[in-house]
Amino acid sequence: MSTTTIYGIPNCDSIKKTIDWFKKHKIEFEFQNYKKEGIEEAKLKSWCEQVGWEILLNKKGTTWKKVADEFADKKMTAKMAIKLMLEYNSMIKRPVIETGKQIIVGFDENVLLATLKK
């Protein structure tokens, strides 16, 4: 069985809930802190191909709000979104969970149960 990897930032509430959920359900996982370890462009491109950049780019966070005016008159593209997420990795919605079969973006217990507790 392939290892499930949780990507995020450790002090994020969504990450804490996700890790607690995995521990409670005794599901093994690895954690990658992309604030500290970074994230590869190829990984972001792959995620965007699987779920779309619109889902990955967190436009509700404070980092987006700091740069949003810069993009107000521009039509966002996948290339622009990936560049932004590489530069400001806190704009990546959290968590991103790779199960080996698919990726899950965001914490949703029902999705986790349906996907991981088979």
PDB file of N, CA and C in Angstrom:
ATOM      1  N   MET A   1       0.839  -1.185   0.000  1.00  0.00           N
ATOM      2  CA  MET A   1       0.000   0.000   0.000  1.00  0.00           C
ATOM      3  C   MET A   1       0.879   1.242   0.000  1.00  0.00           C
ATOM      4  N   SER A   2       0.524   2.228  -0.811  1.00  0.00           N
ATOM      5  CA  SER A   2       1.333   3.438  -0.874  1.00  0.00           C
ATOM      6  C   SER A   2       1.058   4.311   0.346  1.00  0.00           C
ATOM      7  N   THR A   3       2.040   5.117   0.671  1.00  0.00           N
ATOM      8  CA  THR A   3       1.941   5.977   1.835  1.00  0.00           C
ATOM      9  C   THR A   3       1.107   7.215   1.517  1.00  0.00           C
ATOM     10  N   THR A   4       0.273   7.584   2.453  1.00  0.00           N
ATOM     11  CA  THR A   4      -0.495   8.815   2.338  1.00  0.00           C
ATOM     12  C   THR A   4       0.366   9.948   2.866  1.00  0.00           C
ATOM     13  N   THR A   5       0.398  11.046   2.120  1.00  0.00           N
ATOM     14  CA  THR A   5       1.180  12.213   2.523  1.00  0.00           C
ATOM     15  C   THR A   5       0.252  13.404   2.689  1.00  0.00           C
ATOM     16  N   ILE A   6       0.425  14.084   3.817  1.00  0.00           N
ATOM     17  CA  ILE A   6      -0.314  15.308   4.097  1.00  0.00           C
ATOM     18  C   ILE A   6       0.666  16.464   3.891  1.00  0.00           C
ATOM     19  N   TYR A   7       0.270  17.411   3.049  1.00  0.00           N
ATOM     20  CA  TYR A   7       1.088  18.587   2.790  1.00  0.00           C
ATOM     21  C   TYR A   7       0.441  19.788   3.452  1.00  0.00           C
ATOM     22  N   GLY A   8       1.257  20.607   4.108  1.00  0.00           N
ATOM     23  CA  GLY A   8       0.714  21.808   4.727  1.00  0.00           C
ATOM     24  C   GLY A   8       1.715  22.509   5.598  1.00  0.00           C
ATOM     25  N   ILE A   9       1.173  23.309   6.499  1.00  0.00           N
ATOM     26  CA  ILE A   9       1.950  24.103   7.441  1.00  0.00           C
ATOM     27  C   ILE A   9       1.502  23.680   8.836  1.00  0.00           C
ATOM     28  N   PRO A  10       2.438  23.257   9.701  1.00  0.00           N
ATOM     29  CA  PRO A  10       2.055  22.648  10.979  1.00  0.00           C
ATOM     30  C   PRO A  10       1.199  23.503  11.902  1.00  0.00           C
ATOM     31  N   ASN A  11       1.325  24.821  11.864  1.00  0.00           N
ATOM     32  CA  ASN A  11       0.540  25.636  12.798  1.00  0.00           C
ATOM     33  C   ASN A  11      -0.841  26.000  12.262  1.00  0.00           C
ATOM     34  N   CYS A  12      -1.230  25.440  11.131  1.00  0.00           N
ATOM     35  CA  CYS A  12      -2.539  25.675  10.517  1.00  0.00           C
ATOM     36  C   CYS A  12      -3.598  24.816  11.220  1.00  0.00           C
ATOM     37  N   ASP A  13      -4.729  25.413  11.559  1.00  0.00           N
ATOM     38  CA  ASP A  13      -5.800  24.681  12.248  1.00  0.00           C
ATOM     39  C   ASP A  13      -6.321  23.510  11.420  1.00  0.00           C
ATOM     40  N   SER A  14      -6.447  23.708  10.101  1.00  0.00           N
ATOM     41  CA  SER A  14      -6.925  22.619   9.235  1.00  0.00           C
ATOM     42  C   SER A  14      -5.951  21.446   9.228  1.00  0.00           C
ATOM     43  N   ILE A  15      -4.675  21.749   9.272  1.00  0.00           N
ATOM     44  CA  ILE A  15      -3.657  20.694   9.311  1.00  0.00           C
ATOM     45  C   ILE A  15      -3.739  19.963  10.647  1.00  0.00           C
ATOM     46  N   LYS A  16      -3.875  20.704  11.725  1.00  0.00           N
ATOM     47  CA  LYS A  16      -3.983  20.076  13.046  1.00  0.00           C
ATOM     48  C   LYS A  16      -5.187  19.136  13.102  1.00  0.00           C
ATOM     49  N   LYS A  17      -6.345  19.588  12.564  1.00  0.00           N
ATOM     50  CA  LYS A  17      -7.548  18.741  12.537  1.00  0.00           C
ATOM     51  C   LYS A  17      -7.316  17.498  11.695  1.00  0.00           C
ATOM     52  N   THR A  18      -6.652  17.686  10.564  1.00  0.00           N
ATOM     53  CA  THR A  18      -6.389  16.562   9.658  1.00  0.00           C
ATOM     54  C   THR A  18      -5.485  15.536  10.324  1.00  0.00           C
ATOM     55  N   ILE A  19      -4.402  15.983  10.912  1.00  0.00           N
ATOM     56  CA  ILE A  19      -3.465  15.064  11.577  1.00  0.00           C
ATOM     57  C   ILE A  19      -4.154  14.354  12.739  1.00  0.00           C
ATOM     58  N   ASP A  20      -4.933  15.088  13.518  1.00  0.00           N
ATOM     59  CA  ASP A  20      -5.685  14.463  14.618  1.00  0.00           C
ATOM     60  C   ASP A  20      -6.638  13.403  14.080  1.00  0.00           C
ATOM     61  N   TRP A  21      -7.312  13.696  12.956  1.00  0.00           N
ATOM     62  CA  TRP A  21      -8.239  12.744  12.357  1.00  0.00           C
ATOM     63  C   TRP A  21      -7.502  11.478  11.925  1.00  0.00           C
ATOM     64  N   PHE A  22      -6.361  11.622  11.280  1.00  0.00           N
ATOM     65  CA  PHE A  22      -5.572  10.467  10.843  1.00  0.00           C
ATOM     66  C   PHE A  22      -5.137   9.627  12.035  1.00  0.00           C
ATOM     67  N   LYS A  23      -4.686  10.273  13.104  1.00  0.00           N
ATOM     68  CA  LYS A  23      -4.253   9.543  14.298  1.00  0.00           C
ATOM     69  C   LYS A  23      -5.428   8.817  14.947  1.00  0.00           C
ATOM     70  N   LYS A  24      -6.554   9.487  15.049  1.00  0.00           N
ATOM     71  CA  LYS A  24      -7.762   8.897  15.652  1.00  0.00           C
ATOM     72  C   LYS A  24      -8.190   7.641  14.887  1.00  0.00           C
ATOM     73  N   HIS A  25      -8.071   7.676  13.564  1.00  0.00           N
ATOM     74  CA  HIS A  25      -8.476   6.554  12.727  1.00  0.00           C
ATOM     75  C   HIS A  25      -7.333   5.587  12.429  1.00  0.00           C
ATOM     76  N   LYS A  26      -6.205   5.811  13.101  1.00  0.00           N
ATOM     77  CA  LYS A  26      -5.037   4.915  12.992  1.00  0.00           C
ATOM     78  C   LYS A  26      -4.611   4.689  11.532  1.00  0.00           C
ATOM     79  N   ILE A  27      -4.550   5.796  10.792  1.00  0.00           N
ATOM     80  CA  ILE A  27      -4.106   5.744   9.400  1.00  0.00           C
ATOM     81  C   ILE A  27      -2.703   6.340   9.342  1.00  0.00           C
ATOM     82  N   GLU A  28      -1.775   5.542   8.849  1.00  0.00           N
ATOM     83  CA  GLU A  28      -0.396   6.015   8.753  1.00  0.00           C
ATOM     84  C   GLU A  28      -0.284   7.093   7.683  1.00  0.00           C
ATOM     85  N   PHE A  29       0.599   8.055   7.942  1.00  0.00           N
ATOM     86  CA  PHE A  29       0.803   9.144   6.991  1.00  0.00           C
ATOM     87  C   PHE A  29       2.189   9.740   7.187  1.00  0.00           C
ATOM     88  N   GLU A  30       2.616  10.447   6.184  1.00  0.00           N
ATOM     89  CA  GLU A  30       3.816  11.272   6.276  1.00  0.00           C
ATOM     90  C   GLU A  30       3.347  12.713   6.182  1.00  0.00           C
ATOM     91  N   PHE A  31       4.088  13.615   6.791  1.00  0.00           N
ATOM     92  CA  PHE A  31       3.741  15.023   6.727  1.00  0.00           C
ATOM     93  C   PHE A  31       4.857  15.795   6.055  1.00  0.00           C
ATOM     94  N   GLN A  32       4.503  16.631   5.098  1.00  0.00           N
ATOM     95  CA  GLN A  32       5.492  17.509   4.484  1.00  0.00           C
ATOM     96  C   GLN A  32       5.113  18.951   4.767  1.00  0.00           C
ATOM     97  N   ASN A  33       5.990  19.627   5.469  1.00  0.00           N
ATOM     98  CA  ASN A  33       5.817  21.034   5.798  1.00  0.00           C
ATOM     99  C   ASN A  33       6.347  21.848   4.620  1.00  0.00           C
ATOM    100  N   TYR A  34       5.465  22.293   3.739  1.00  0.00           N
ATOM    101  CA  TYR A  34       5.961  22.991   2.561  1.00  0.00           C
ATOM    102  C   TYR A  34       6.373  24.424   2.861  1.00  0.00           C
ATOM    103  N   LYS A  35       6.088  24.905   4.046  1.00  0.00           N
ATOM    104  CA  LYS A  35       6.611  26.220   4.442  1.00  0.00           C
ATOM    105  C   LYS A  35       8.117  26.100   4.685  1.00  0.00           C
ATOM    106  N   LYS A  36       8.508  24.991   5.301  1.00  0.00           N
ATOM    107  CA  LYS A  36       9.916  24.762   5.641  1.00  0.00           C
ATOM    108  C   LYS A  36      10.664  24.050   4.501  1.00  0.00           C
ATOM    109  N   GLU A  37      10.045  23.023   3.939  1.00  0.00           N
ATOM    110  CA  GLU A  37      10.707  22.181   2.932  1.00  0.00           C
ATOM    111  C   GLU A  37      10.460  22.646   1.506  1.00  0.00           C
ATOM    112  N   GLY A  38       9.517  23.549   1.325  1.00  0.00           N
ATOM    113  CA  GLY A  38       9.180  24.007  -0.014  1.00  0.00           C
ATOM    114  C   GLY A  38       8.284  23.012  -0.735  1.00  0.00           C
ATOM    115  N   ILE A  39       7.921  23.381  -1.941  1.00  0.00           N
ATOM    116  CA  ILE A  39       7.091  22.519  -2.784  1.00  0.00           C
ATOM    117  C   ILE A  39       7.626  22.642  -4.204  1.00  0.00           C
ATOM    118  N   GLU A  40       7.687  21.530  -4.887  1.00  0.00           N
ATOM    119  CA  GLU A  40       8.229  21.524  -6.243  1.00  0.00           C
ATOM    120  C   GLU A  40       7.193  22.003  -7.245  1.00  0.00           C
ATOM    121  N   GLU A  41       7.665  22.707  -8.259  1.00  0.00           N
ATOM    122  CA  GLU A  41       6.770  23.194  -9.306  1.00  0.00           C
ATOM    123  C   GLU A  41       6.051  22.033  -9.991  1.00  0.00           C
ATOM    124  N   ALA A  42       6.771  20.939 -10.219  1.00  0.00           N
ATOM    125  CA  ALA A  42       6.157  19.774 -10.870  1.00  0.00           C
ATOM    126  C   ALA A  42       5.009  19.220 -10.026  1.00  0.00           C
ATOM    127  N   LYS A  43       5.158  19.232  -8.721  1.00  0.00           N
ATOM    128  CA  LYS A  43       4.102  18.753  -7.817  1.00  0.00           C
ATOM    129  C   LYS A  43       2.872  19.651  -7.935  1.00  0.00           C
ATOM    130  N   LEU A  44       3.080  20.969  -7.900  1.00  0.00           N
ATOM    131  CA  LEU A  44       1.958  21.900  -8.043  1.00  0.00           C
ATOM    132  C   LEU A  44       1.254  21.731  -9.382  1.00  0.00           C
ATOM    133  N   LYS A  45       2.032  21.565 -10.455  1.00  0.00           N
ATOM    134  CA  LYS A  45       1.438  21.358 -11.780  1.00  0.00           C
ATOM    135  C   LYS A  45       0.594  20.090 -11.795  1.00  0.00           C
ATOM    136  N   SER A  46       1.111  19.038 -11.191  1.00  0.00           N
ATOM    137  CA  SER A  46       0.380  17.769 -11.129  1.00  0.00           C
ATOM    138  C   SER A  46      -0.933  17.945 -10.359  1.00  0.00           C
ATOM    139  N   TRP A  47      -0.873  18.616  -9.220  1.00  0.00           N
ATOM    140  CA  TRP A  47      -2.082  18.849  -8.441  1.00  0.00           C
ATOM    141  C   TRP A  47      -3.099  19.661  -9.239  1.00  0.00           C
ATOM    142  N   CYS A  48      -2.606  20.702  -9.927  1.00  0.00           N
ATOM    143  CA  CYS A  48      -3.503  21.542 -10.730  1.00  0.00           C
ATOM    144  C   CYS A  48      -4.165  20.733 -11.843  1.00  0.00           C
ATOM    145  N   GLU A  49      -3.423  19.816 -12.435  1.00  0.00           N
ATOM    146  CA  GLU A  49      -3.995  18.959 -13.474  1.00  0.00           C
ATOM    147  C   GLU A  49      -5.066  18.040 -12.897  1.00  0.00           C
ATOM    148  N   GLN A  50      -4.872  17.596 -11.656  1.00  0.00           N
ATOM    149  CA  GLN A  50      -5.816  16.666 -11.044  1.00  0.00           C
ATOM    150  C   GLN A  50      -7.075  17.346 -10.508  1.00  0.00           C
ATOM    151  N   VAL A  51      -6.923  18.505  -9.853  1.00  0.00           N
ATOM    152  CA  VAL A  51      -8.084  19.124  -9.209  1.00  0.00           C
ATOM    153  C   VAL A  51      -8.370  20.545  -9.682  1.00  0.00           C
ATOM    154  N   GLY A  52      -7.452  21.139 -10.406  1.00  0.00           N
ATOM    155  CA  GLY A  52      -7.636  22.510 -10.874  1.00  0.00           C
ATOM    156  C   GLY A  52      -7.006  23.529  -9.948  1.00  0.00           C
ATOM    157  N   TRP A  53      -6.379  24.531 -10.531  1.00  0.00           N
ATOM    158  CA  TRP A  53      -5.720  25.564  -9.726  1.00  0.00           C
ATOM    159  C   TRP A  53      -6.733  26.353  -8.902  1.00  0.00           C
ATOM    160  N   GLU A  54      -7.971  26.440  -9.393  1.00  0.00           N
ATOM    161  CA  GLU A  54      -9.001  27.205  -8.689  1.00  0.00           C
ATOM    162  C   GLU A  54      -9.276  26.621  -7.305  1.00  0.00           C
ATOM    163  N   ILE A  55      -9.117  25.318  -7.175  1.00  0.00           N
ATOM    164  CA  ILE A  55      -9.324  24.666  -5.876  1.00  0.00           C
ATOM    165  C   ILE A  55      -8.083  24.819  -4.998  1.00  0.00           C
ATOM    166  N   LEU A  56      -6.905  24.756  -5.599  1.00  0.00           N
ATOM    167  CA  LEU A  56      -5.655  24.821  -4.833  1.00  0.00           C
ATOM    168  C   LEU A  56      -5.310  26.217  -4.329  1.00  0.00           C
ATOM    169  N   LEU A  57      -5.623  27.238  -5.103  1.00  0.00           N
ATOM    170  CA  LEU A  57      -5.254  28.598  -4.738  1.00  0.00           C
ATOM    171  C   LEU A  57      -6.249  29.141  -3.717  1.00  0.00           C
ATOM    172  N   ASN A  58      -5.760  29.377  -2.507  1.00  0.00           N
ATOM    173  CA  ASN A  58      -6.610  29.847  -1.418  1.00  0.00           C
ATOM    174  C   ASN A  58      -6.759  31.362  -1.501  1.00  0.00           C
ATOM    175  N   LYS A  59      -7.917  31.801  -1.954  1.00  0.00           N
ATOM    176  CA  LYS A  59      -8.176  33.236  -2.078  1.00  0.00           C
ATOM    177  C   LYS A  59      -8.864  33.802  -0.831  1.00  0.00           C
ATOM    178  N   LYS A  60      -8.976  33.004   0.211  1.00  0.00           N
ATOM    179  CA  LYS A  60      -9.620  33.475   1.442  1.00  0.00           C
ATOM    180  C   LYS A  60      -8.599  33.869   2.504  1.00  0.00           C
ATOM    181  N   GLY A  61      -7.351  33.525   2.295  1.00  0.00           N
ATOM    182  CA  GLY A  61      -6.318  33.770   3.298  1.00  0.00           C
ATOM    183  C   GLY A  61      -5.733  35.171   3.248  1.00  0.00           C
ATOM    184  N   THR A  62      -4.985  35.495   4.287  1.00  0.00           N
ATOM    185  CA  THR A  62      -4.394  36.827   4.392  1.00  0.00           C
ATOM    186  C   THR A  62      -3.329  37.070   3.331  1.00  0.00           C
ATOM    187  N   THR A  63      -2.612  36.053   2.915  1.00  0.00           N
ATOM    188  CA  THR A  63      -1.577  36.236   1.897  1.00  0.00           C
ATOM    189  C   THR A  63      -2.210  36.674   0.583  1.00  0.00           C
ATOM    190  N   TRP A  64      -3.309  36.034   0.188  1.00  0.00           N
ATOM    191  CA  TRP A  64      -3.995  36.438  -1.044  1.00  0.00           C
ATOM    192  C   TRP A  64      -4.464  37.888  -0.928  1.00  0.00           C
ATOM    193  N   LYS A  65      -5.021  38.234   0.211  1.00  0.00           N
ATOM    194  CA  LYS A  65      -5.542  39.587   0.386  1.00  0.00           C
ATOM    195  C   LYS A  65      -4.446  40.641   0.230  1.00  0.00           C
ATOM    196  N   LYS A  66      -3.218  40.288   0.578  1.00  0.00           N
ATOM    197  CA  LYS A  66      -2.094  41.218   0.445  1.00  0.00           C
ATOM    198  C   LYS A  66      -1.719  41.460  -1.019  1.00  0.00           C
ATOM    199  N   VAL A  67      -1.945  40.489  -1.885  1.00  0.00           N
ATOM    200  CA  VAL A  67      -1.529  40.619  -3.287  1.00  0.00           C
ATOM    201  C   VAL A  67      -2.700  40.707  -4.262  1.00  0.00           C
ATOM    202  N   ALA A  68      -3.911  40.596  -3.782  1.00  0.00           N
ATOM    203  CA  ALA A  68      -5.089  40.531  -4.657  1.00  0.00           C
ATOM    204  C   ALA A  68      -5.220  41.746  -5.575  1.00  0.00           C
ATOM    205  N   ASP A  69      -4.927  42.924  -5.072  1.00  0.00           N
ATOM    206  CA  ASP A  69      -5.049  44.136  -5.893  1.00  0.00           C
ATOM    207  C   ASP A  69      -4.168  44.072  -7.133  1.00  0.00           C
ATOM    208  N   GLU A  70      -3.042  43.423  -6.991  1.00  0.00           N
ATOM    209  CA  GLU A  70      -2.097  43.265  -8.095  1.00  0.00           C
ATOM    210  C   GLU A  70      -2.713  42.480  -9.267  1.00  0.00           C
ATOM    211  N   PHE A  71      -3.690  41.631  -8.955  1.00  0.00           N
ATOM    212  CA  PHE A  71      -4.293  40.748  -9.958  1.00  0.00           C
ATOM    213  C   PHE A  71      -5.739  41.106 -10.285  1.00  0.00           C
ATOM    214  N   ALA A  72      -6.221  42.209  -9.741  1.00  0.00           N
ATOM    215  CA  ALA A  72      -7.625  42.594  -9.913  1.00  0.00           C
ATOM    216  C   ALA A  72      -8.024  42.745 -11.377  1.00  0.00           C
ATOM    217  N   ASP A  73      -7.136  43.275 -12.199  1.00  0.00           N
ATOM    218  CA  ASP A  73      -7.466  43.520 -13.608  1.00  0.00           C
ATOM    219  C   ASP A  73      -7.021  42.404 -14.541  1.00  0.00           C
ATOM    220  N   LYS A  74      -6.458  41.341 -13.981  1.00  0.00           N
ATOM    221  CA  LYS A  74      -5.922  40.263 -14.814  1.00  0.00           C
ATOM    222  C   LYS A  74      -6.789  39.018 -14.696  1.00  0.00           C
ATOM    223  N   LYS A  75      -6.877  38.287 -15.781  1.00  0.00           N
ATOM    224  CA  LYS A  75      -7.554  36.997 -15.752  1.00  0.00           C
ATOM    225  C   LYS A  75      -6.531  35.967 -15.282  1.00  0.00           C
ATOM    226  N   MET A  76      -6.784  35.369 -14.137  1.00  0.00           N
ATOM    227  CA  MET A  76      -5.860  34.395 -13.558  1.00  0.00           C
ATOM    228  C   MET A  76      -5.809  33.159 -14.430  1.00  0.00           C
ATOM    229  N   THR A  77      -4.609  32.643 -14.631  1.00  0.00           N
ATOM    230  CA  THR A  77      -4.402  31.409 -15.382  1.00  0.00           C
ATOM    231  C   THR A  77      -3.708  30.402 -14.477  1.00  0.00           C
ATOM    232  N   ALA A  78      -3.659  29.169 -14.928  1.00  0.00           N
ATOM    233  CA  ALA A  78      -2.965  28.130 -14.154  1.00  0.00           C
ATOM    234  C   ALA A  78      -1.495  28.502 -13.971  1.00  0.00           C
ATOM    235  N   LYS A  79      -0.879  29.008 -15.022  1.00  0.00           N
ATOM    236  CA  LYS A  79       0.538  29.381 -14.944  1.00  0.00           C
ATOM    237  C   LYS A  79       0.759  30.473 -13.891  1.00  0.00           C
ATOM    238  N   MET A  80      -0.115  31.476 -13.879  1.00  0.00           N
ATOM    239  CA  MET A  80      -0.009  32.548 -12.882  1.00  0.00           C
ATOM    240  C   MET A  80      -0.241  32.015 -11.472  1.00  0.00           C
ATOM    241  N   ALA A  81      -1.234  31.155 -11.332  1.00  0.00           N
ATOM    242  CA  ALA A  81      -1.562  30.600 -10.010  1.00  0.00           C
ATOM    243  C   ALA A  81      -0.401  29.770  -9.473  1.00  0.00           C
ATOM    244  N   ILE A  82       0.205  28.958 -10.328  1.00  0.00           N
ATOM    245  CA  ILE A  82       1.340  28.132  -9.896  1.00  0.00           C
ATOM    246  C   ILE A  82       2.503  29.016  -9.482  1.00  0.00           C
ATOM    247  N   LYS A  83       2.770  30.054 -10.270  1.00  0.00           N
ATOM    248  CA  LYS A  83       3.855  30.977  -9.927  1.00  0.00           C
ATOM    249  C   LYS A  83       3.601  31.618  -8.562  1.00  0.00           C
ATOM    250  N   LEU A  84       2.365  32.048  -8.322  1.00  0.00           N
ATOM    251  CA  LEU A  84       2.009  32.639  -7.028  1.00  0.00           C
ATOM    252  C   LEU A  84       2.187  31.651  -5.883  1.00  0.00           C
ATOM    253  N   MET A  85       1.705  30.419  -6.074  1.00  0.00           N
ATOM    254  CA  MET A  85       1.798  29.413  -5.011  1.00  0.00           C
ATOM    255  C   MET A  85       3.241  29.022  -4.734  1.00  0.00           C
ATOM    256  N   LEU A  86       4.098  29.070  -5.756  1.00  0.00           N
ATOM    257  CA  LEU A  86       5.516  28.803  -5.532  1.00  0.00           C
ATOM    258  C   LEU A  86       6.157  29.930  -4.731  1.00  0.00           C
ATOM    259  N   GLU A  87       5.784  31.152  -5.054  1.00  0.00           N
ATOM    260  CA  GLU A  87       6.354  32.305  -4.365  1.00  0.00           C
ATOM    261  C   GLU A  87       5.795  32.469  -2.962  1.00  0.00           C
ATOM    262  N   TYR A  88       4.500  32.244  -2.821  1.00  0.00           N
ATOM    263  CA  TYR A  88       3.806  32.380  -1.526  1.00  0.00           C
ATOM    264  C   TYR A  88       3.103  31.058  -1.225  1.00  0.00           C
ATOM    265  N   ASN A  89       3.869  30.081  -0.711  1.00  0.00           N
ATOM    266  CA  ASN A  89       3.271  28.757  -0.547  1.00  0.00           C
ATOM    267  C   ASN A  89       2.152  28.716   0.495  1.00  0.00           C
ATOM    268  N   SER A  90       2.001  29.756   1.288  1.00  0.00           N
ATOM    269  CA  SER A  90       0.862  29.780   2.215  1.00  0.00           C
ATOM    270  C   SER A  90      -0.451  30.028   1.470  1.00  0.00           C
ATOM    271  N   MET A  91      -0.382  30.301   0.152  1.00  0.00           N
ATOM    272  CA  MET A  91      -1.597  30.451  -0.663  1.00  0.00           C
ATOM    273  C   MET A  91      -2.148  29.106  -1.119  1.00  0.00           C
ATOM    274  N   ILE A  92      -1.430  28.037  -0.864  1.00  0.00           N
ATOM    275  CA  ILE A  92      -1.922  26.713  -1.230  1.00  0.00           C
ATOM    276  C   ILE A  92      -2.941  26.295  -0.171  1.00  0.00           C
ATOM    277  N   LYS A  93      -4.134  25.970  -0.620  1.00  0.00           N
ATOM    278  CA  LYS A  93      -5.179  25.545   0.315  1.00  0.00           C
ATOM    279  C   LYS A  93      -4.683  24.328   1.088  1.00  0.00           C
ATOM    280  N   ARG A  94      -5.051  24.280   2.356  1.00  0.00           N
ATOM    281  CA  ARG A  94      -4.580  23.198   3.213  1.00  0.00           C
ATOM    282  C   ARG A  94      -5.761  22.429   3.802  1.00  0.00           C
ATOM    283  N   PRO A  95      -5.503  21.147   4.028  1.00  0.00           N
ATOM    284  CA  PRO A  95      -4.353  20.354   3.595  1.00  0.00           C
ATOM    285  C   PRO A  95      -4.500  19.895   2.144  1.00  0.00           C
ATOM    286  N   VAL A  96      -3.388  19.452   1.598  1.00  0.00           N
ATOM    287  CA  VAL A  96      -3.409  18.671   0.365  1.00  0.00           C
ATOM    288  C   VAL A  96      -2.960  17.282   0.788  1.00  0.00           C
ATOM    289  N   ILE A  97      -3.783  16.284   0.492  1.00  0.00           N
ATOM    290  CA  ILE A  97      -3.508  14.908   0.912  1.00  0.00           C
ATOM    291  C   ILE A  97      -3.366  14.045  -0.332  1.00  0.00           C
ATOM    292  N   GLU A  98      -2.203  13.419  -0.467  1.00  0.00           N
ATOM    293  CA  GLU A  98      -1.970  12.472  -1.560  1.00  0.00           C
ATOM    294  C   GLU A  98      -2.168  11.072  -1.008  1.00  0.00           C
ATOM    295  N   THR A  99      -3.093  10.328  -1.599  1.00  0.00           N
ATOM    296  CA  THR A  99      -3.388   8.983  -1.104  1.00  0.00           C
ATOM    297  C   THR A  99      -2.697   7.896  -1.904  1.00  0.00           C
ATOM    298  N   GLY A 100      -2.063   8.272  -2.994  1.00  0.00           N
ATOM    299  CA  GLY A 100      -1.498   7.282  -3.900  1.00  0.00           C
ATOM    300  C   GLY A 100      -2.413   7.053  -5.086  1.00  0.00           C
ATOM    301  N   LYS A 101      -3.713   7.248  -4.881  1.00  0.00           N
ATOM    302  CA  LYS A 101      -4.700   7.089  -5.947  1.00  0.00           C
ATOM    303  C   LYS A 101      -5.241   8.440  -6.404  1.00  0.00           C
ATOM    304  N   GLN A 102      -5.313   9.377  -5.484  1.00  0.00           N
ATOM    305  CA  GLN A 102      -5.883  10.683  -5.787  1.00  0.00           C
ATOM    306  C   GLN A 102      -5.367  11.692  -4.781  1.00  0.00           C
ATOM    307  N   ILE A 103      -5.748  12.957  -4.993  1.00  0.00           N
ATOM    308  CA  ILE A 103      -5.457  13.959  -3.981  1.00  0.00           C
ATOM    309  C   ILE A 103      -6.763  14.522  -3.454  1.00  0.00           C
ATOM    310  N   ILE A 104      -6.703  14.912  -2.193  1.00  0.00           N
ATOM    311  CA  ILE A 104      -7.839  15.527  -1.511  1.00  0.00           C
ATOM    312  C   ILE A 104      -7.361  16.898  -1.062  1.00  0.00           C
ATOM    313  N   VAL A 105      -8.150  17.924  -1.341  1.00  0.00           N
ATOM    314  CA  VAL A 105      -7.786  19.278  -0.947  1.00  0.00           C
ATOM    315  C   VAL A 105      -8.802  19.768   0.067  1.00  0.00           C
ATOM    316  N   GLY A 106      -8.299  20.169   1.229  1.00  0.00           N
ATOM    317  CA  GLY A 106      -9.165  20.654   2.294  1.00  0.00           C
ATOM    318  C   GLY A 106      -9.549  19.532   3.249  1.00  0.00           C
ATOM    319  N   PHE A 107      -9.972  19.927   4.439  1.00  0.00           N
ATOM    320  CA  PHE A 107     -10.376  18.950   5.448  1.00  0.00           C
ATOM    321  C   PHE A 107     -11.882  18.746   5.386  1.00  0.00           C
ATOM    322  N   ASP A 108     -12.278  17.517   5.059  1.00  0.00           N
ATOM    323  CA  ASP A 108     -13.687  17.139   5.021  1.00  0.00           C
ATOM    324  C   ASP A 108     -13.759  15.694   5.499  1.00  0.00           C
ATOM    325  N   GLU A 109     -14.282  15.499   6.707  1.00  0.00           N
ATOM    326  CA  GLU A 109     -14.327  14.157   7.304  1.00  0.00           C
ATOM    327  C   GLU A 109     -15.033  13.145   6.417  1.00  0.00           C
ATOM    328  N   ASN A 110     -16.129  13.550   5.792  1.00  0.00           N
ATOM    329  CA  ASN A 110     -16.877  12.613   4.952  1.00  0.00           C
ATOM    330  C   ASN A 110     -16.058  12.157   3.757  1.00  0.00           C
ATOM    331  N   VAL A 111     -15.335  13.075   3.137  1.00  0.00           N
ATOM    332  CA  VAL A 111     -14.473  12.710   2.003  1.00  0.00           C
ATOM    333  C   VAL A 111     -13.349  11.798   2.486  1.00  0.00           C
ATOM    334  N   LEU A 112     -12.750  12.137   3.622  1.00  0.00           N
ATOM    335  CA  LEU A 112     -11.676  11.301   4.157  1.00  0.00           C
ATOM    336  C   LEU A 112     -12.189   9.890   4.468  1.00  0.00           C
ATOM    337  N   LEU A 113     -13.333   9.794   5.101  1.00  0.00           N
ATOM    338  CA  LEU A 113     -13.902   8.480   5.421  1.00  0.00           C
ATOM    339  C   LEU A 113     -14.174   7.682   4.157  1.00  0.00           C
ATOM    340  N   ALA A 114     -14.778   8.313   3.174  1.00  0.00           N
ATOM    341  CA  ALA A 114     -15.116   7.622   1.927  1.00  0.00           C
ATOM    342  C   ALA A 114     -13.874   7.182   1.169  1.00  0.00           C
ATOM    343  N   THR A 115     -12.827   7.964   1.256  1.00  0.00           N
ATOM    344  CA  THR A 115     -11.613   7.692   0.479  1.00  0.00           C
ATOM    345  C   THR A 115     -10.652   6.766   1.197  1.00  0.00           C
ATOM    346  N   LEU A 116     -10.477   6.956   2.500  1.00  0.00           N
ATOM    347  CA  LEU A 116      -9.398   6.269   3.217  1.00  0.00           C
ATOM    348  C   LEU A 116      -9.848   5.103   4.087  1.00  0.00           C
ATOM    349  N   LYS A 117     -11.097   5.018   4.435  1.00  0.00           N
ATOM    350  CA  LYS A 117     -11.559   3.962   5.358  1.00  0.00           C
ATOM    351  C   LYS A 117     -12.290   2.862   4.602  1.00  0.00           C
ATOM    352  N   LYS A 118     -11.725   2.426   3.469  1.00  0.00           N
ATOM    353  CA  LYS A 118     -12.364   1.360   2.668  1.00  0.00           C
ATOM    354  C   LYS A 118     -11.919   0.018   3.127  1.00  0.00           C
TER     355      LYS A 118
END
